N, C-alpha and C. Protein backbone atom coordinates (compact mmCIF):
# COMPACT_ATOMS: atom_id res chain seq x y z
N MET A 1 23.80 -77.58 32.95
CA MET A 1 22.68 -77.35 32.09
C MET A 1 22.09 -78.66 31.61
N ARG A 2 22.94 -79.58 31.34
CA ARG A 2 22.48 -80.84 30.83
C ARG A 2 21.74 -81.63 31.90
N CYS A 3 22.14 -81.57 33.11
CA CYS A 3 21.46 -82.29 34.19
C CYS A 3 20.07 -81.72 34.42
N PHE A 4 19.98 -80.42 34.37
CA PHE A 4 18.68 -79.78 34.59
C PHE A 4 17.69 -80.17 33.49
N PHE A 5 18.15 -80.24 32.27
CA PHE A 5 17.28 -80.60 31.15
C PHE A 5 16.79 -82.04 31.28
N LYS A 6 17.62 -82.95 31.70
CA LYS A 6 17.21 -84.34 31.85
C LYS A 6 16.19 -84.49 32.97
N ALA A 7 16.35 -83.74 34.03
CA ALA A 7 15.39 -83.83 35.14
C ALA A 7 14.04 -83.30 34.69
N ALA A 8 14.04 -82.24 33.94
CA ALA A 8 12.78 -81.68 33.46
C ALA A 8 12.13 -82.63 32.46
N GLN A 9 12.94 -83.29 31.65
CA GLN A 9 12.38 -84.20 30.67
C GLN A 9 11.76 -85.41 31.36
N ARG A 10 12.39 -85.92 32.38
CA ARG A 10 11.84 -87.04 33.11
C ARG A 10 10.55 -86.66 33.83
N ARG A 11 10.51 -85.48 34.39
CA ARG A 11 9.33 -85.07 35.12
C ARG A 11 8.11 -84.96 34.19
N PHE A 12 8.26 -84.41 33.00
CA PHE A 12 7.13 -84.24 32.08
C PHE A 12 6.76 -85.53 31.37
N SER A 13 7.69 -86.39 31.13
CA SER A 13 7.37 -87.62 30.41
C SER A 13 6.56 -88.57 31.27
N SER A 14 6.64 -88.46 32.56
CA SER A 14 5.88 -89.37 33.42
C SER A 14 4.47 -88.84 33.72
N ALA A 15 4.17 -87.59 33.35
CA ALA A 15 2.85 -87.01 33.62
C ALA A 15 1.87 -87.44 32.53
N ALA A 16 0.63 -87.81 32.95
CA ALA A 16 -0.42 -88.21 32.00
C ALA A 16 -1.77 -88.04 32.69
N PHE A 17 -2.86 -88.08 31.89
CA PHE A 17 -4.20 -87.99 32.45
C PHE A 17 -4.66 -89.37 32.89
N THR A 18 -5.39 -89.39 33.96
CA THR A 18 -5.97 -90.66 34.40
C THR A 18 -7.25 -90.91 33.62
N LEU A 19 -7.77 -92.12 33.74
CA LEU A 19 -8.99 -92.48 33.04
C LEU A 19 -10.17 -91.64 33.54
N ALA A 20 -10.22 -91.34 34.81
CA ALA A 20 -11.31 -90.52 35.36
C ALA A 20 -11.26 -89.10 34.79
N GLU A 21 -10.07 -88.53 34.66
CA GLU A 21 -9.95 -87.19 34.10
C GLU A 21 -10.38 -87.16 32.63
N VAL A 22 -10.03 -88.18 31.88
CA VAL A 22 -10.43 -88.26 30.47
C VAL A 22 -11.95 -88.38 30.36
N CYS A 23 -12.56 -89.19 31.22
CA CYS A 23 -14.02 -89.35 31.18
C CYS A 23 -14.73 -88.05 31.54
N ILE A 24 -14.23 -87.35 32.54
CA ILE A 24 -14.84 -86.07 32.94
C ILE A 24 -14.70 -85.05 31.81
N GLY A 25 -13.54 -85.01 31.16
CA GLY A 25 -13.35 -84.10 30.03
C GLY A 25 -14.28 -84.43 28.87
N ALA A 26 -14.46 -85.73 28.60
CA ALA A 26 -15.36 -86.13 27.52
C ALA A 26 -16.80 -85.76 27.84
N VAL A 27 -17.22 -85.92 29.09
CA VAL A 27 -18.58 -85.55 29.49
C VAL A 27 -18.78 -84.05 29.35
N ILE A 28 -17.79 -83.27 29.73
CA ILE A 28 -17.91 -81.81 29.60
C ILE A 28 -18.03 -81.41 28.13
N VAL A 29 -17.24 -82.02 27.26
CA VAL A 29 -17.31 -81.73 25.83
C VAL A 29 -18.68 -82.12 25.28
N LEU A 30 -19.20 -83.28 25.68
CA LEU A 30 -20.53 -83.71 25.22
C LEU A 30 -21.62 -82.76 25.70
N ILE A 31 -21.52 -82.29 26.93
CA ILE A 31 -22.52 -81.35 27.45
C ILE A 31 -22.47 -80.04 26.67
N VAL A 32 -21.28 -79.55 26.38
CA VAL A 32 -21.14 -78.30 25.63
C VAL A 32 -21.73 -78.44 24.23
N PHE A 33 -21.36 -79.50 23.50
CA PHE A 33 -21.88 -79.68 22.15
C PHE A 33 -23.37 -79.98 22.16
N GLY A 34 -23.85 -80.73 23.15
CA GLY A 34 -25.29 -80.97 23.26
C GLY A 34 -26.06 -79.69 23.53
N SER A 35 -25.51 -78.83 24.36
CA SER A 35 -26.16 -77.54 24.64
C SER A 35 -26.20 -76.66 23.40
N ILE A 36 -25.12 -76.64 22.65
CA ILE A 36 -25.09 -75.85 21.42
C ILE A 36 -26.11 -76.38 20.43
N TYR A 37 -26.18 -77.70 20.27
CA TYR A 37 -27.14 -78.30 19.35
C TYR A 37 -28.58 -78.01 19.78
N ALA A 38 -28.87 -78.17 21.07
CA ALA A 38 -30.22 -77.89 21.56
C ALA A 38 -30.58 -76.42 21.39
N GLY A 39 -29.64 -75.54 21.65
CA GLY A 39 -29.91 -74.11 21.47
C GLY A 39 -30.18 -73.75 20.02
N LEU A 40 -29.40 -74.31 19.10
CA LEU A 40 -29.63 -74.05 17.68
C LEU A 40 -30.97 -74.61 17.22
N THR A 41 -31.31 -75.82 17.68
CA THR A 41 -32.58 -76.43 17.30
C THR A 41 -33.75 -75.60 17.81
N MET A 42 -33.69 -75.15 19.05
CA MET A 42 -34.77 -74.33 19.60
C MET A 42 -34.87 -72.99 18.88
N SER A 43 -33.75 -72.41 18.52
CA SER A 43 -33.81 -71.12 17.83
C SER A 43 -34.36 -71.28 16.41
N PHE A 44 -34.03 -72.37 15.74
CA PHE A 44 -34.61 -72.62 14.41
C PHE A 44 -36.12 -72.85 14.50
N ASN A 45 -36.57 -73.58 15.53
CA ASN A 45 -38.01 -73.79 15.72
C ASN A 45 -38.73 -72.48 16.03
N ALA A 46 -38.11 -71.63 16.85
CA ALA A 46 -38.73 -70.34 17.17
C ALA A 46 -38.79 -69.46 15.92
N THR A 47 -37.76 -69.49 15.10
CA THR A 47 -37.76 -68.72 13.86
C THR A 47 -38.84 -69.22 12.90
N GLN A 48 -38.99 -70.54 12.79
CA GLN A 48 -40.03 -71.10 11.92
C GLN A 48 -41.42 -70.73 12.41
N ALA A 49 -41.63 -70.78 13.73
CA ALA A 49 -42.94 -70.40 14.28
C ALA A 49 -43.23 -68.92 14.02
N ALA A 50 -42.21 -68.08 14.14
CA ALA A 50 -42.40 -66.65 13.85
C ALA A 50 -42.74 -66.43 12.37
N ARG A 51 -42.10 -67.18 11.49
CA ARG A 51 -42.40 -67.05 10.06
C ARG A 51 -43.82 -67.52 9.75
N GLU A 52 -44.25 -68.61 10.39
CA GLU A 52 -45.61 -69.09 10.17
C GLU A 52 -46.64 -68.08 10.66
N ASN A 53 -46.38 -67.48 11.82
CA ASN A 53 -47.29 -66.45 12.34
C ASN A 53 -47.31 -65.23 11.43
N LEU A 54 -46.16 -64.85 10.92
CA LEU A 54 -46.10 -63.70 10.02
C LEU A 54 -46.89 -63.97 8.74
N ARG A 55 -46.75 -65.17 8.19
CA ARG A 55 -47.51 -65.50 6.97
C ARG A 55 -49.00 -65.53 7.27
N ALA A 56 -49.40 -66.05 8.44
CA ALA A 56 -50.82 -66.04 8.81
C ALA A 56 -51.34 -64.61 8.91
N THR A 57 -50.55 -63.72 9.47
CA THR A 57 -50.94 -62.31 9.54
C THR A 57 -51.07 -61.71 8.15
N GLN A 58 -50.15 -62.06 7.25
CA GLN A 58 -50.24 -61.56 5.88
C GLN A 58 -51.50 -62.06 5.19
N VAL A 59 -51.86 -63.32 5.42
CA VAL A 59 -53.08 -63.87 4.81
C VAL A 59 -54.31 -63.14 5.34
N MET A 60 -54.35 -62.89 6.66
CA MET A 60 -55.50 -62.18 7.23
C MET A 60 -55.59 -60.76 6.70
N LEU A 61 -54.46 -60.06 6.64
CA LEU A 61 -54.47 -58.69 6.11
C LEU A 61 -54.87 -58.66 4.64
N GLU A 62 -54.44 -59.66 3.90
CA GLU A 62 -54.83 -59.74 2.49
C GLU A 62 -56.34 -59.85 2.35
N ARG A 63 -56.97 -60.64 3.19
CA ARG A 63 -58.43 -60.79 3.14
C ARG A 63 -59.13 -59.51 3.60
N LEU A 64 -58.60 -58.87 4.64
CA LEU A 64 -59.22 -57.63 5.12
C LEU A 64 -59.04 -56.50 4.11
N GLU A 65 -57.90 -56.45 3.45
CA GLU A 65 -57.69 -55.43 2.42
C GLU A 65 -58.59 -55.69 1.22
N GLY A 66 -58.93 -56.95 0.98
CA GLY A 66 -59.83 -57.29 -0.11
C GLY A 66 -61.23 -56.76 0.09
N LEU A 67 -61.59 -56.40 1.32
CA LEU A 67 -62.91 -55.83 1.59
C LEU A 67 -63.12 -54.51 0.85
N ARG A 68 -62.05 -53.82 0.54
CA ARG A 68 -62.16 -52.53 -0.14
C ARG A 68 -62.68 -52.67 -1.57
N LEU A 69 -62.59 -53.87 -2.12
CA LEU A 69 -63.03 -54.09 -3.50
C LEU A 69 -64.54 -54.25 -3.62
N TYR A 70 -65.23 -54.41 -2.52
CA TYR A 70 -66.67 -54.68 -2.54
C TYR A 70 -67.44 -53.49 -1.98
N ASN A 71 -68.65 -53.29 -2.47
CA ASN A 71 -69.50 -52.26 -1.88
C ASN A 71 -70.32 -52.90 -0.75
N TRP A 72 -71.13 -52.09 -0.09
CA TRP A 72 -71.87 -52.53 1.09
C TRP A 72 -72.82 -53.69 0.77
N GLU A 73 -73.55 -53.59 -0.30
CA GLU A 73 -74.51 -54.64 -0.65
C GLU A 73 -73.81 -55.96 -0.98
N GLN A 74 -72.68 -55.88 -1.65
CA GLN A 74 -71.94 -57.10 -1.96
C GLN A 74 -71.39 -57.76 -0.71
N LEU A 75 -70.99 -56.96 0.27
CA LEU A 75 -70.43 -57.53 1.49
C LEU A 75 -71.50 -58.14 2.39
N VAL A 76 -72.61 -57.45 2.53
CA VAL A 76 -73.57 -57.83 3.56
C VAL A 76 -74.70 -58.71 3.04
N TYR A 77 -75.24 -58.37 1.89
CA TYR A 77 -76.48 -59.01 1.45
C TYR A 77 -76.30 -60.13 0.44
N SER A 78 -75.11 -60.40 -0.01
CA SER A 78 -74.93 -61.46 -1.01
C SER A 78 -73.68 -62.26 -0.69
N ASN A 79 -73.37 -63.20 -1.54
CA ASN A 79 -72.21 -64.07 -1.34
C ASN A 79 -71.08 -63.74 -2.30
N TRP A 80 -70.83 -62.46 -2.51
CA TRP A 80 -69.75 -62.07 -3.41
C TRP A 80 -68.39 -62.45 -2.84
N MET A 81 -68.24 -62.27 -1.56
CA MET A 81 -66.97 -62.62 -0.93
C MET A 81 -67.09 -64.01 -0.33
N PRO A 82 -66.22 -64.94 -0.72
CA PRO A 82 -66.33 -66.30 -0.18
C PRO A 82 -66.08 -66.32 1.32
N SER A 83 -66.81 -67.19 2.01
CA SER A 83 -66.68 -67.26 3.47
C SER A 83 -65.53 -68.15 3.91
N THR A 84 -65.02 -69.01 3.04
CA THR A 84 -63.85 -69.84 3.37
C THR A 84 -62.79 -69.65 2.29
N PHE A 85 -61.56 -69.89 2.67
CA PHE A 85 -60.45 -69.74 1.72
C PHE A 85 -59.29 -70.61 2.17
N THR A 86 -58.35 -70.82 1.27
CA THR A 86 -57.10 -71.50 1.58
C THR A 86 -55.96 -70.67 1.01
N ALA A 87 -54.83 -70.76 1.66
CA ALA A 87 -53.62 -70.07 1.19
C ALA A 87 -52.43 -70.93 1.59
N TYR A 88 -51.35 -70.80 0.84
CA TYR A 88 -50.14 -71.57 1.11
C TYR A 88 -49.08 -70.67 1.72
N TYR A 89 -48.10 -71.32 2.34
CA TYR A 89 -47.00 -70.59 2.94
C TYR A 89 -46.16 -69.91 1.86
N PHE A 90 -45.84 -70.65 0.80
CA PHE A 90 -45.07 -70.10 -0.31
C PHE A 90 -46.01 -69.79 -1.47
N PRO A 91 -45.70 -68.81 -2.30
CA PRO A 91 -46.54 -68.54 -3.47
C PRO A 91 -46.52 -69.72 -4.44
N LEU A 92 -47.62 -69.93 -5.11
CA LEU A 92 -47.71 -71.04 -6.06
C LEU A 92 -46.97 -70.76 -7.36
N THR A 93 -46.45 -69.55 -7.53
CA THR A 93 -45.73 -69.21 -8.75
C THR A 93 -44.33 -69.82 -8.78
N ASN A 94 -43.81 -70.24 -7.64
CA ASN A 94 -42.49 -70.84 -7.59
C ASN A 94 -42.61 -72.33 -7.90
N GLN A 95 -42.18 -72.74 -9.08
CA GLN A 95 -42.35 -74.13 -9.52
C GLN A 95 -41.33 -75.08 -8.90
N ASN A 96 -40.22 -74.58 -8.40
CA ASN A 96 -39.16 -75.44 -7.89
C ASN A 96 -39.29 -75.76 -6.41
N GLN A 97 -40.35 -75.34 -5.79
CA GLN A 97 -40.48 -75.49 -4.35
C GLN A 97 -41.89 -75.95 -4.02
N SER A 98 -42.00 -76.75 -2.97
CA SER A 98 -43.34 -77.17 -2.54
C SER A 98 -44.06 -75.96 -1.93
N PRO A 99 -45.39 -75.95 -1.96
CA PRO A 99 -46.11 -74.77 -1.46
C PRO A 99 -46.03 -74.60 0.06
N GLY A 100 -45.59 -75.61 0.77
CA GLY A 100 -45.43 -75.47 2.22
C GLY A 100 -46.73 -75.66 2.97
N ILE A 101 -46.84 -74.99 4.09
CA ILE A 101 -47.98 -75.14 4.99
C ILE A 101 -49.24 -74.61 4.33
N LEU A 102 -50.34 -75.32 4.54
CA LEU A 102 -51.63 -74.90 4.00
C LEU A 102 -52.42 -74.20 5.10
N TYR A 103 -52.82 -72.97 4.83
CA TYR A 103 -53.62 -72.19 5.77
C TYR A 103 -55.08 -72.27 5.35
N PHE A 104 -55.95 -72.60 6.30
CA PHE A 104 -57.39 -72.60 6.08
C PHE A 104 -57.95 -71.38 6.79
N GLY A 105 -58.94 -70.74 6.19
CA GLY A 105 -59.48 -69.55 6.82
C GLY A 105 -60.96 -69.38 6.59
N THR A 106 -61.55 -68.56 7.47
CA THR A 106 -62.96 -68.21 7.36
C THR A 106 -63.10 -66.70 7.50
N VAL A 107 -64.09 -66.16 6.80
CA VAL A 107 -64.45 -64.75 6.91
C VAL A 107 -65.91 -64.70 7.32
N THR A 108 -66.19 -64.06 8.45
CA THR A 108 -67.58 -63.97 8.93
C THR A 108 -67.96 -62.51 9.12
N PHE A 109 -69.20 -62.21 8.79
CA PHE A 109 -69.79 -60.89 9.00
C PHE A 109 -70.86 -61.04 10.08
N SER A 110 -70.83 -60.15 11.04
CA SER A 110 -71.84 -60.20 12.10
C SER A 110 -72.18 -58.78 12.53
N ASN A 111 -73.28 -58.66 13.24
CA ASN A 111 -73.64 -57.36 13.80
C ASN A 111 -72.70 -57.03 14.94
N VAL A 112 -72.46 -55.76 15.10
CA VAL A 112 -71.57 -55.32 16.17
C VAL A 112 -72.31 -55.46 17.50
N PRO A 113 -71.69 -56.09 18.49
CA PRO A 113 -72.37 -56.27 19.78
C PRO A 113 -72.38 -54.97 20.60
N PHE A 114 -73.31 -54.09 20.28
CA PHE A 114 -73.46 -52.84 21.02
C PHE A 114 -74.26 -53.10 22.29
N PRO A 115 -74.01 -52.32 23.34
CA PRO A 115 -74.87 -52.42 24.53
C PRO A 115 -76.23 -51.79 24.23
N ASN A 116 -77.23 -52.20 24.97
CA ASN A 116 -78.59 -51.63 24.79
C ASN A 116 -78.65 -50.26 25.43
N PRO A 117 -79.27 -49.30 24.84
CA PRO A 117 -79.86 -49.27 23.50
C PRO A 117 -78.77 -49.11 22.46
N ALA A 118 -78.96 -49.73 21.32
CA ALA A 118 -77.99 -49.65 20.22
C ALA A 118 -78.05 -48.27 19.59
N PRO A 119 -76.91 -47.75 19.12
CA PRO A 119 -76.91 -46.43 18.48
C PRO A 119 -77.64 -46.47 17.13
N ASN A 120 -77.89 -45.29 16.58
CA ASN A 120 -78.64 -45.17 15.32
C ASN A 120 -77.96 -45.89 14.16
N TYR A 121 -76.65 -45.89 14.16
CA TYR A 121 -75.90 -46.44 13.04
C TYR A 121 -75.62 -47.94 13.19
N ALA A 122 -76.23 -48.60 14.13
CA ALA A 122 -75.94 -50.02 14.38
C ALA A 122 -76.24 -50.89 13.16
N ASN A 123 -77.26 -50.55 12.39
CA ASN A 123 -77.58 -51.35 11.20
C ASN A 123 -76.65 -51.08 10.03
N ASP A 124 -75.87 -50.01 10.11
CA ASP A 124 -74.95 -49.66 9.03
C ASP A 124 -73.50 -50.00 9.37
N LEU A 125 -73.31 -50.86 10.33
CA LEU A 125 -71.96 -51.22 10.77
C LEU A 125 -71.91 -52.73 10.98
N ARG A 126 -70.87 -53.37 10.49
CA ARG A 126 -70.70 -54.81 10.63
C ARG A 126 -69.31 -55.11 11.19
N LEU A 127 -69.25 -56.18 11.95
CA LEU A 127 -67.99 -56.69 12.47
C LEU A 127 -67.52 -57.81 11.55
N VAL A 128 -66.33 -57.65 10.99
CA VAL A 128 -65.76 -58.65 10.09
C VAL A 128 -64.65 -59.37 10.84
N THR A 129 -64.73 -60.69 10.89
CA THR A 129 -63.75 -61.51 11.58
C THR A 129 -63.10 -62.45 10.58
N VAL A 130 -61.78 -62.41 10.52
CA VAL A 130 -61.01 -63.33 9.67
C VAL A 130 -60.23 -64.24 10.60
N THR A 131 -60.44 -65.54 10.45
CA THR A 131 -59.76 -66.54 11.28
C THR A 131 -58.95 -67.45 10.37
N VAL A 132 -57.72 -67.73 10.76
CA VAL A 132 -56.83 -68.59 9.98
C VAL A 132 -56.38 -69.74 10.87
N TYR A 133 -56.44 -70.97 10.31
CA TYR A 133 -55.98 -72.18 10.99
C TYR A 133 -54.88 -72.83 10.16
N TRP A 134 -53.90 -73.39 10.83
CA TRP A 134 -52.90 -74.20 10.14
C TRP A 134 -52.34 -75.21 11.12
N THR A 135 -51.73 -76.24 10.58
CA THR A 135 -51.16 -77.31 11.40
C THR A 135 -49.68 -77.40 11.10
N ASN A 136 -48.88 -77.41 12.15
CA ASN A 136 -47.47 -77.67 11.96
C ASN A 136 -47.08 -78.89 12.78
N THR A 137 -46.08 -79.60 12.31
CA THR A 137 -45.67 -80.85 12.92
C THR A 137 -44.29 -80.68 13.52
N TYR A 138 -44.18 -80.94 14.81
CA TYR A 138 -42.89 -80.96 15.49
C TYR A 138 -42.66 -82.39 15.97
N GLY A 139 -41.78 -83.10 15.29
CA GLY A 139 -41.57 -84.51 15.61
C GLY A 139 -42.79 -85.30 15.21
N THR A 140 -43.39 -85.98 16.17
CA THR A 140 -44.61 -86.74 15.89
C THR A 140 -45.86 -85.99 16.33
N ASN A 141 -45.69 -84.82 16.93
CA ASN A 141 -46.83 -84.05 17.43
C ASN A 141 -47.35 -83.11 16.35
N LYS A 142 -48.65 -83.12 16.15
CA LYS A 142 -49.30 -82.17 15.25
C LYS A 142 -49.97 -81.10 16.10
N ILE A 143 -49.61 -79.87 15.86
CA ILE A 143 -50.13 -78.75 16.65
C ILE A 143 -50.96 -77.87 15.73
N VAL A 144 -52.22 -77.66 16.10
CA VAL A 144 -53.11 -76.79 15.32
C VAL A 144 -52.98 -75.38 15.87
N ARG A 145 -52.65 -74.46 15.00
CA ARG A 145 -52.51 -73.05 15.37
C ARG A 145 -53.68 -72.27 14.80
N THR A 146 -54.04 -71.20 15.45
CA THR A 146 -55.12 -70.35 14.96
C THR A 146 -54.81 -68.89 15.30
N ARG A 147 -55.15 -68.02 14.39
CA ARG A 147 -55.03 -66.58 14.59
C ARG A 147 -56.31 -65.93 14.09
N GLN A 148 -56.64 -64.80 14.70
CA GLN A 148 -57.90 -64.13 14.36
C GLN A 148 -57.68 -62.63 14.33
N MET A 149 -58.35 -61.96 13.39
CA MET A 149 -58.27 -60.51 13.26
C MET A 149 -59.67 -59.98 12.98
N GLN A 150 -60.00 -58.85 13.59
CA GLN A 150 -61.34 -58.27 13.44
C GLN A 150 -61.23 -56.80 13.03
N THR A 151 -62.24 -56.36 12.29
CA THR A 151 -62.33 -54.95 11.93
C THR A 151 -63.80 -54.59 11.77
N LEU A 152 -64.07 -53.31 11.75
CA LEU A 152 -65.43 -52.81 11.54
C LEU A 152 -65.55 -52.26 10.13
N VAL A 153 -66.67 -52.54 9.50
CA VAL A 153 -66.95 -52.02 8.16
C VAL A 153 -68.25 -51.26 8.24
N GLY A 154 -68.25 -50.03 7.72
CA GLY A 154 -69.45 -49.20 7.72
C GLY A 154 -69.98 -48.97 6.33
N ARG A 155 -71.25 -48.62 6.25
CA ARG A 155 -71.89 -48.40 4.95
C ARG A 155 -71.26 -47.21 4.22
N MET A 156 -71.03 -46.11 4.91
CA MET A 156 -70.48 -44.91 4.28
C MET A 156 -69.02 -44.68 4.62
N GLY A 157 -68.37 -45.65 5.15
CA GLY A 157 -66.98 -45.49 5.55
C GLY A 157 -66.86 -45.51 7.06
N LEU A 158 -65.75 -46.00 7.51
CA LEU A 158 -65.58 -46.20 8.95
C LEU A 158 -65.55 -44.89 9.72
N GLN A 159 -64.89 -43.87 9.19
CA GLN A 159 -64.73 -42.63 9.96
C GLN A 159 -66.06 -41.93 10.20
N ASN A 160 -67.04 -42.13 9.35
CA ASN A 160 -68.34 -41.48 9.55
C ASN A 160 -69.03 -41.97 10.81
N TYR A 161 -68.75 -43.19 11.22
CA TYR A 161 -69.45 -43.76 12.38
C TYR A 161 -68.62 -43.68 13.65
N VAL A 162 -67.32 -43.83 13.51
CA VAL A 162 -66.50 -43.85 14.72
C VAL A 162 -66.16 -42.44 15.17
N TYR A 163 -65.81 -41.57 14.23
CA TYR A 163 -65.39 -40.22 14.60
C TYR A 163 -66.49 -39.19 14.43
N TYR A 164 -67.64 -39.58 13.97
CA TYR A 164 -68.80 -38.69 13.82
C TYR A 164 -68.49 -37.49 12.93
N ASN A 165 -67.87 -37.71 11.79
CA ASN A 165 -67.58 -36.62 10.84
C ASN A 165 -68.78 -36.32 9.99
């Protein structure tokens, strides 16, 4: 029993990794950790872009929902609704945090592009377009993003013109 144990001890004590094996193992570990870091960085950037798009959509919907507060004459014939606006990523009520990304936007009213001949209700229908612009910075690159949403507004309500009620 004792002879067998000494032979096994000698055999294992002389075994070791070569320098090439250690270098290959280190490269594999670096590739694995680099891949994990790159994957996490890309997923955080994708999440931030999704949040920015969601906030831009919220800003556009907020402006379109604000159309309900005005009557037809206020929307079309006067300047009751401002044509430009700004909004922040975070609400300004939070004093402990910076407001984040600044969104610039425009609201435009135009005639609906009907084919000729235009229907009878063409003068009582307007196309409202809300466009939002913002800039985000990835590294040293500044990327300008834009989103746009459109809806139709009618003098007596949308369903009277679209569904002919």
